[in-house]
Amino acid sequence: MRTTLWALEGLEHILFGSGRRVACRNAWTAVLEDRDRARSRLEAESVRNAAAAALEAEAVVHAAADRPAPAASRA
């Protein structure tokens, strides 16, 4: 019985050994792709935040330009 089990385990190793390597390689590739997506997402978020800040600053400048100048104080 034990010899049969060892034979089956050896056969399994021969048949599925390369499959395990492929699975590990695919898993590592997925990890690297996830890291790339995270890096791209952070970069896009920083660009979006910078653009939003620039638009907000521009709106403040235009709002200040549209306000009438304060009246001179009468002394």
PDB file of N, CA and C in Angstrom:
ATOM      1  N   MET A   1       0.826  -1.198   0.000  1.00  0.00           N
ATOM      2  CA  MET A   1       0.000   0.000   0.000  1.00  0.00           C
ATOM      3  C   MET A   1       0.869   1.261   0.000  1.00  0.00           C
ATOM      4  N   ARG A   2       1.877   1.286   0.868  1.00  0.00           N
ATOM      5  CA  ARG A   2       2.745   2.448   0.959  1.00  0.00           C
ATOM      6  C   ARG A   2       3.513   2.648  -0.344  1.00  0.00           C
ATOM      7  N   THR A   3       3.959   1.579  -0.956  1.00  0.00           N
ATOM      8  CA  THR A   3       4.691   1.660  -2.216  1.00  0.00           C
ATOM      9  C   THR A   3       3.801   2.221  -3.317  1.00  0.00           C
ATOM     10  N   THR A   4       2.554   1.825  -3.330  1.00  0.00           N
ATOM     11  CA  THR A   4       1.608   2.345  -4.317  1.00  0.00           C
ATOM     12  C   THR A   4       1.415   3.844  -4.113  1.00  0.00           C
ATOM     13  N   LEU A   5       1.306   4.257  -2.868  1.00  0.00           N
ATOM     14  CA  LEU A   5       1.140   5.678  -2.565  1.00  0.00           C
ATOM     15  C   LEU A   5       2.349   6.478  -3.029  1.00  0.00           C
ATOM     16  N   TRP A   6       3.551   5.959  -2.759  1.00  0.00           N
ATOM     17  CA  TRP A   6       4.760   6.649  -3.209  1.00  0.00           C
ATOM     18  C   TRP A   6       4.815   6.717  -4.731  1.00  0.00           C
ATOM     19  N   ALA A   7       4.398   5.650  -5.381  1.00  0.00           N
ATOM     20  CA  ALA A   7       4.396   5.632  -6.845  1.00  0.00           C
ATOM     21  C   ALA A   7       3.425   6.673  -7.385  1.00  0.00           C
ATOM     22  N   LEU A   8       2.254   6.757  -6.776  1.00  0.00           N
ATOM     23  CA  LEU A   8       1.271   7.754  -7.220  1.00  0.00           C
ATOM     24  C   LEU A   8       1.764   9.177  -6.953  1.00  0.00           C
ATOM     25  N   GLU A   9       2.413   9.386  -5.810  1.00  0.00           N
ATOM     26  CA  GLU A   9       2.960  10.713  -5.515  1.00  0.00           C
ATOM     27  C   GLU A   9       4.064  11.078  -6.499  1.00  0.00           C
ATOM     28  N   GLY A  10       4.895  10.109  -6.853  1.00  0.00           N
ATOM     29  CA  GLY A  10       5.943  10.355  -7.846  1.00  0.00           C
ATOM     30  C   GLY A  10       5.358  10.685  -9.201  1.00  0.00           C
ATOM     31  N   LEU A  11       4.326   9.948  -9.598  1.00  0.00           N
ATOM     32  CA  LEU A  11       3.658  10.208 -10.876  1.00  0.00           C
ATOM     33  C   LEU A  11       3.008  11.594 -10.865  1.00  0.00           C
ATOM     34  N   GLU A  12       2.385  11.931  -9.744  1.00  0.00           N
ATOM     35  CA  GLU A  12       1.770  13.255  -9.614  1.00  0.00           C
ATOM     36  C   GLU A  12       2.819  14.356  -9.755  1.00  0.00           C
ATOM     37  N   HIS A  13       3.961  14.150  -9.140  1.00  0.00           N
ATOM     38  CA  HIS A  13       5.039  15.139  -9.223  1.00  0.00           C
ATOM     39  C   HIS A  13       5.504  15.308 -10.665  1.00  0.00           C
ATOM     40  N   ILE A  14       5.624  14.210 -11.376  1.00  0.00           N
ATOM     41  CA  ILE A  14       6.062  14.273 -12.774  1.00  0.00           C
ATOM     42  C   ILE A  14       5.017  14.968 -13.632  1.00  0.00           C
ATOM     43  N   LEU A  15       3.750  14.604 -13.444  1.00  0.00           N
ATOM     44  CA  LEU A  15       2.690  15.149 -14.296  1.00  0.00           C
ATOM     45  C   LEU A  15       2.344  16.597 -13.969  1.00  0.00           C
ATOM     46  N   PHE A  16       2.333  16.940 -12.690  1.00  0.00           N
ATOM     47  CA  PHE A  16       1.864  18.264 -12.296  1.00  0.00           C
ATOM     48  C   PHE A  16       2.978  19.196 -11.845  1.00  0.00           C
ATOM     49  N   GLY A  17       4.210  18.770 -11.927  1.00  0.00           N
ATOM     50  CA  GLY A  17       5.322  19.609 -11.490  1.00  0.00           C
ATOM     51  C   GLY A  17       5.415  20.906 -12.268  1.00  0.00           C
ATOM     52  N   SER A  18       5.316  20.817 -13.585  1.00  0.00           N
ATOM     53  CA  SER A  18       5.406  22.034 -14.399  1.00  0.00           C
ATOM     54  C   SER A  18       4.166  22.897 -14.226  1.00  0.00           C
ATOM     55  N   GLY A  19       3.032  22.272 -13.974  1.00  0.00           N
ATOM     56  CA  GLY A  19       1.808  23.039 -13.744  1.00  0.00           C
ATOM     57  C   GLY A  19       1.914  23.914 -12.515  1.00  0.00           C
ATOM     58  N   ARG A  20       2.561  23.401 -11.497  1.00  0.00           N
ATOM     59  CA  ARG A  20       2.744  24.193 -10.283  1.00  0.00           C
ATOM     60  C   ARG A  20       3.670  25.370 -10.547  1.00  0.00           C
ATOM     61  N   ARG A  21       4.715  25.139 -11.325  1.00  0.00           N
ATOM     62  CA  ARG A  21       5.622  26.245 -11.667  1.00  0.00           C
ATOM     63  C   ARG A  21       4.877  27.316 -12.450  1.00  0.00           C
ATOM     64  N   VAL A  22       4.046  26.879 -13.385  1.00  0.00           N
ATOM     65  CA  VAL A  22       3.271  27.837 -14.179  1.00  0.00           C
ATOM     66  C   VAL A  22       2.311  28.608 -13.279  1.00  0.00           C
ATOM     67  N   ALA A  23       1.671  27.913 -12.351  1.00  0.00           N
ATOM     68  CA  ALA A  23       0.737  28.580 -11.440  1.00  0.00           C
ATOM     69  C   ALA A  23       1.459  29.611 -10.578  1.00  0.00           C
ATOM     70  N   CYS A  24       2.628  29.273 -10.085  1.00  0.00           N
ATOM     71  CA  CYS A  24       3.404  30.227  -9.276  1.00  0.00           C
ATOM     72  C   CYS A  24       3.837  31.421 -10.115  1.00  0.00           C
ATOM     73  N   ARG A  25       4.254  31.165 -11.346  1.00  0.00           N
ATOM     74  CA  ARG A  25       4.660  32.252 -12.236  1.00  0.00           C
ATOM     75  C   ARG A  25       3.468  33.162 -12.534  1.00  0.00           C
ATOM     76  N   ASN A  26       2.307  32.565 -12.786  1.00  0.00           N
ATOM     77  CA  ASN A  26       1.109  33.362 -13.051  1.00  0.00           C
ATOM     78  C   ASN A  26       0.713  34.186 -11.830  1.00  0.00           C
ATOM     79  N   ALA A  27       0.837  33.592 -10.655  1.00  0.00           N
ATOM     80  CA  ALA A  27       0.498  34.323  -9.433  1.00  0.00           C
ATOM     81  C   ALA A  27       1.442  35.505  -9.238  1.00  0.00           C
ATOM     82  N   TRP A  28       2.727  35.302  -9.475  1.00  0.00           N
ATOM     83  CA  TRP A  28       3.695  36.389  -9.318  1.00  0.00           C
ATOM     84  C   TRP A  28       3.441  37.487 -10.351  1.00  0.00           C
ATOM     85  N   THR A  29       3.107  37.094 -11.569  1.00  0.00           N
ATOM     86  CA  THR A  29       2.778  38.073 -12.604  1.00  0.00           C
ATOM     87  C   THR A  29       1.566  38.896 -12.183  1.00  0.00           C
ATOM     88  N   ALA A  30       0.575  38.249 -11.594  1.00  0.00           N
ATOM     89  CA  ALA A  30      -0.612  38.966 -11.119  1.00  0.00           C
ATOM     90  C   ALA A  30      -0.245  39.955 -10.019  1.00  0.00           C
ATOM     91  N   VAL A  31       0.654  39.571  -9.130  1.00  0.00           N
ATOM     92  CA  VAL A  31       1.099  40.477  -8.063  1.00  0.00           C
ATOM     93  C   VAL A  31       1.778  41.702  -8.667  1.00  0.00           C
ATOM     94  N   LEU A  32       2.651  41.484  -9.633  1.00  0.00           N
ATOM     95  CA  LEU A  32       3.351  42.606 -10.264  1.00  0.00           C
ATOM     96  C   LEU A  32       2.379  43.519 -11.006  1.00  0.00           C
ATOM     97  N   GLU A  33       1.383  42.936 -11.685  1.00  0.00           N
ATOM     98  CA  GLU A  33       0.388  43.750 -12.379  1.00  0.00           C
ATOM     99  C   GLU A  33      -0.441  44.563 -11.388  1.00  0.00           C
ATOM    100  N   ASP A  34      -0.781  43.965 -10.246  1.00  0.00           N
ATOM    101  CA  ASP A  34      -1.514  44.705  -9.216  1.00  0.00           C
ATOM    102  C   ASP A  34      -0.692  45.881  -8.702  1.00  0.00           C
ATOM    103  N   ARG A  35       0.599  45.673  -8.520  1.00  0.00           N
ATOM    104  CA  ARG A  35       1.466  46.767  -8.074  1.00  0.00           C
ATOM    105  C   ARG A  35       1.517  47.878  -9.112  1.00  0.00           C
ATOM    106  N   ASP A  36       1.595  47.503 -10.391  1.00  0.00           N
ATOM    107  CA  ASP A  36       1.609  48.510 -11.454  1.00  0.00           C
ATOM    108  C   ASP A  36       0.300  49.296 -11.472  1.00  0.00           C
ATOM    109  N   ARG A  37      -0.828  48.587 -11.321  1.00  0.00           N
ATOM    110  CA  ARG A  37      -2.119  49.275 -11.302  1.00  0.00           C
ATOM    111  C   ARG A  37      -2.218  50.217 -10.108  1.00  0.00           C
ATOM    112  N   ALA A  38      -1.724  49.799  -8.966  1.00  0.00           N
ATOM    113  CA  ALA A  38      -1.758  50.660  -7.779  1.00  0.00           C
ATOM    114  C   ALA A  38      -0.899  51.899  -7.989  1.00  0.00           C
ATOM    115  N   ARG A  39       0.272  51.717  -8.584  1.00  0.00           N
ATOM    116  CA  ARG A  39       1.161  52.847  -8.857  1.00  0.00           C
ATOM    117  C   ARG A  39       0.493  53.814  -9.837  1.00  0.00           C
ATOM    118  N   SER A  40      -0.134  53.281 -10.880  1.00  0.00           N
ATOM    119  CA  SER A  40      -0.819  54.126 -11.861  1.00  0.00           C
ATOM    120  C   SER A  40      -1.997  54.855 -11.227  1.00  0.00           C
ATOM    121  N   ARG A  41      -2.725  54.158 -10.353  1.00  0.00           N
ATOM    122  CA  ARG A  41      -3.867  54.776  -9.688  1.00  0.00           C
ATOM    123  C   ARG A  41      -3.416  55.934  -8.804  1.00  0.00           C
ATOM    124  N   LEU A  42      -2.324  55.755  -8.066  1.00  0.00           N
ATOM    125  CA  LEU A  42      -1.812  56.836  -7.221  1.00  0.00           C
ATOM    126  C   LEU A  42      -1.341  58.022  -8.053  1.00  0.00           C
ATOM    127  N   GLU A  43      -0.690  57.728  -9.173  1.00  0.00           N
ATOM    128  CA  GLU A  43      -0.230  58.803 -10.054  1.00  0.00           C
ATOM    129  C   GLU A  43      -1.416  59.575 -10.627  1.00  0.00           C
ATOM    130  N   ALA A  44      -2.445  58.864 -11.072  1.00  0.00           N
ATOM    131  CA  ALA A  44      -3.633  59.522 -11.621  1.00  0.00           C
ATOM    132  C   ALA A  44      -4.341  60.350 -10.552  1.00  0.00           C
ATOM    133  N   GLU A  45      -4.370  59.838  -9.335  1.00  0.00           N
ATOM    134  CA  GLU A  45      -5.002  60.572  -8.245  1.00  0.00           C
ATOM    135  C   GLU A  45      -4.249  61.859  -7.938  1.00  0.00           C
ATOM    136  N   SER A  46      -2.927  61.819  -7.963  1.00  0.00           N
ATOM    137  CA  SER A  46      -2.160  63.037  -7.682  1.00  0.00           C
ATOM    138  C   SER A  46      -2.327  64.057  -8.805  1.00  0.00           C
ATOM    139  N   VAL A  47      -2.406  63.595 -10.047  1.00  0.00           N
ATOM    140  CA  VAL A  47      -2.634  64.510 -11.177  1.00  0.00           C
ATOM    141  C   VAL A  47      -4.016  65.140 -11.053  1.00  0.00           C
ATOM    142  N   ARG A  48      -5.010  64.316 -10.705  1.00  0.00           N
ATOM    143  CA  ARG A  48      -6.370  64.829 -10.549  1.00  0.00           C
ATOM    144  C   ARG A  48      -6.441  65.854  -9.425  1.00  0.00           C
ATOM    145  N   ASN A  49      -5.777  65.576  -8.305  1.00  0.00           N
ATOM    146  CA  ASN A  49      -5.784  66.518  -7.183  1.00  0.00           C
ATOM    147  C   ASN A  49      -5.087  67.824  -7.543  1.00  0.00           C
ATOM    148  N   ALA A  50      -3.996  67.732  -8.298  1.00  0.00           N
ATOM    149  CA  ALA A  50      -3.291  68.942  -8.723  1.00  0.00           C
ATOM    150  C   ALA A  50      -4.168  69.769  -9.660  1.00  0.00           C
ATOM    151  N   ALA A  51      -4.877  69.098 -10.569  1.00  0.00           N
ATOM    152  CA  ALA A  51      -5.763  69.814 -11.491  1.00  0.00           C
ATOM    153  C   ALA A  51      -6.914  70.464 -10.731  1.00  0.00           C
ATOM    154  N   ALA A  52      -7.465  69.770  -9.758  1.00  0.00           N
ATOM    155  CA  ALA A  52      -8.559  70.334  -8.962  1.00  0.00           C
ATOM    156  C   ALA A  52      -8.075  71.545  -8.168  1.00  0.00           C
ATOM    157  N   ALA A  53      -6.873  71.470  -7.623  1.00  0.00           N
ATOM    158  CA  ALA A  53      -6.324  72.600  -6.871  1.00  0.00           C
ATOM    159  C   ALA A  53      -6.090  73.795  -7.792  1.00  0.00           C
ATOM    160  N   ALA A  54      -5.623  73.539  -9.011  1.00  0.00           N
ATOM    161  CA  ALA A  54      -5.394  74.631  -9.964  1.00  0.00           C
ATOM    162  C   ALA A  54      -6.714  75.282 -10.357  1.00  0.00           C
ATOM    163  N   LEU A  55      -7.749  74.475 -10.581  1.00  0.00           N
ATOM    164  CA  LEU A  55      -9.056  75.038 -10.931  1.00  0.00           C
ATOM    165  C   LEU A  55      -9.633  75.845  -9.774  1.00  0.00           C
ATOM    166  N   GLU A  56      -9.440  75.354  -8.567  1.00  0.00           N
ATOM    167  CA  GLU A  56      -9.933  76.072  -7.396  1.00  0.00           C
ATOM    168  C   GLU A  56      -9.206  77.404  -7.234  1.00  0.00           C
ATOM    169  N   ALA A  57      -7.901  77.406  -7.439  1.00  0.00           N
ATOM    170  CA  ALA A  57      -7.127  78.644  -7.335  1.00  0.00           C
ATOM    171  C   ALA A  57      -7.557  79.630  -8.417  1.00  0.00           C
ATOM    172  N   GLU A  58      -7.817  79.126  -9.607  1.00  0.00           N
ATOM    173  CA  GLU A  58      -8.265  79.995 -10.703  1.00  0.00           C
ATOM    174  C   GLU A  58      -9.631  80.592 -10.386  1.00  0.00           C
ATOM    175  N   ALA A  59     -10.514  79.811  -9.788  1.00  0.00           N
ATOM    176  CA  ALA A  59     -11.838  80.308  -9.422  1.00  0.00           C
ATOM    177  C   ALA A  59     -11.728  81.394  -8.359  1.00  0.00           C
ATOM    178  N   VAL A  60     -10.809  81.244  -7.428  1.00  0.00           N
ATOM    179  CA  VAL A  60     -10.614  82.255  -6.386  1.00  0.00           C
ATOM    180  C   VAL A  60     -10.104  83.547  -7.008  1.00  0.00           C
ATOM    181  N   VAL A  61      -9.182  83.439  -7.950  1.00  0.00           N
ATOM    182  CA  VAL A  61      -8.638  84.631  -8.614  1.00  0.00           C
ATOM    183  C   VAL A  61      -9.735  85.347  -9.389  1.00  0.00           C
ATOM    184  N   HIS A  62     -10.565  84.584 -10.118  1.00  0.00           N
ATOM    185  CA  HIS A  62     -11.647  85.212 -10.883  1.00  0.00           C
ATOM    186  C   HIS A  62     -12.691  85.828  -9.957  1.00  0.00           C
ATOM    187  N   ALA A  63     -12.970  85.190  -8.854  1.00  0.00           N
ATOM    188  CA  ALA A  63     -13.939  85.742  -7.907  1.00  0.00           C
ATOM    189  C   ALA A  63     -13.412  87.039  -7.312  1.00  0.00           C
ATOM    190  N   ALA A  64     -12.128  87.097  -7.030  1.00  0.00           N
ATOM    191  CA  ALA A  64     -11.536  88.318  -6.477  1.00  0.00           C
ATOM    192  C   ALA A  64     -11.540  89.431  -7.516  1.00  0.00           C
ATOM    193  N   ALA A  65     -11.349  89.084  -8.776  1.00  0.00           N
ATOM    194  CA  ALA A  65     -11.327  90.100  -9.833  1.00  0.00           C
ATOM    195  C   ALA A  65     -12.724  90.643 -10.094  1.00  0.00           C
ATOM    196  N   ASP A  66     -13.755  89.845  -9.854  1.00  0.00           N
ATOM    197  CA  ASP A  66     -15.130  90.281 -10.109  1.00  0.00           C
ATOM    198  C   ASP A  66     -15.698  91.138  -8.981  1.00  0.00           C
ATOM    199  N   ARG A  67     -15.077  91.110  -7.810  1.00  0.00           N
ATOM    200  CA  ARG A  67     -15.570  91.909  -6.682  1.00  0.00           C
ATOM    201  C   ARG A  67     -15.189  93.374  -6.889  1.00  0.00           C
ATOM    202  N   PRO A  68     -16.070  94.254  -6.501  1.00  0.00           N
ATOM    203  CA  PRO A  68     -15.699  95.676  -6.587  1.00  0.00           C
ATOM    204  C   PRO A  68     -14.616  95.997  -5.558  1.00  0.00           C
ATOM    205  N   ALA A  69     -13.829  96.963  -5.893  1.00  0.00           N
ATOM    206  CA  ALA A  69     -12.755  97.375  -4.983  1.00  0.00           C
ATOM    207  C   ALA A  69     -13.383  97.965  -3.727  1.00  0.00           C
ATOM    208  N   PRO A  70     -12.765  97.766  -2.584  1.00  0.00           N
ATOM    209  CA  PRO A  70     -13.335  98.338  -1.347  1.00  0.00           C
ATOM    210  C   PRO A  70     -13.307  99.867  -1.409  1.00  0.00           C
ATOM    211  N   ALA A  71     -14.329 100.459  -0.851  1.00  0.00           N
ATOM    212  CA  ALA A  71     -14.415 101.928  -0.851  1.00  0.00           C
ATOM    213  C   ALA A  71     -13.331 102.488   0.065  1.00  0.00           C
ATOM    214  N   ALA A  72     -12.790 103.617  -0.344  1.00  0.00           N
ATOM    215  CA  ALA A  72     -11.742 104.247   0.476  1.00  0.00           C
ATOM    216  C   ALA A  72     -12.380 104.744   1.763  1.00  0.00           C
ATOM    217  N   SER A  73     -11.697 104.560   2.829  1.00  0.00           N
ATOM    218  CA  SER A  73     -12.254 104.996   4.120  1.00  0.00           C
ATOM    219  C   SER A  73     -12.190 106.519   4.197  1.00  0.00           C
ATOM    220  N   ARG A  74     -13.191 107.084   4.801  1.00  0.00           N
ATOM    221  CA  ARG A  74     -13.230 108.545   4.927  1.00  0.00           C
ATOM    222  C   ARG A  74     -12.611 108.926   6.258  1.00  0.00           C
ATOM    223  N   ALA A  75     -11.560 109.601   6.190  1.00  0.00           N
ATOM    224  CA  ALA A  75     -10.877 109.982   7.420  1.00  0.00           C
ATOM    225  C   ALA A  75     -11.084 111.415   7.748  1.00  0.00           C
TER     226      ALA A  75
END
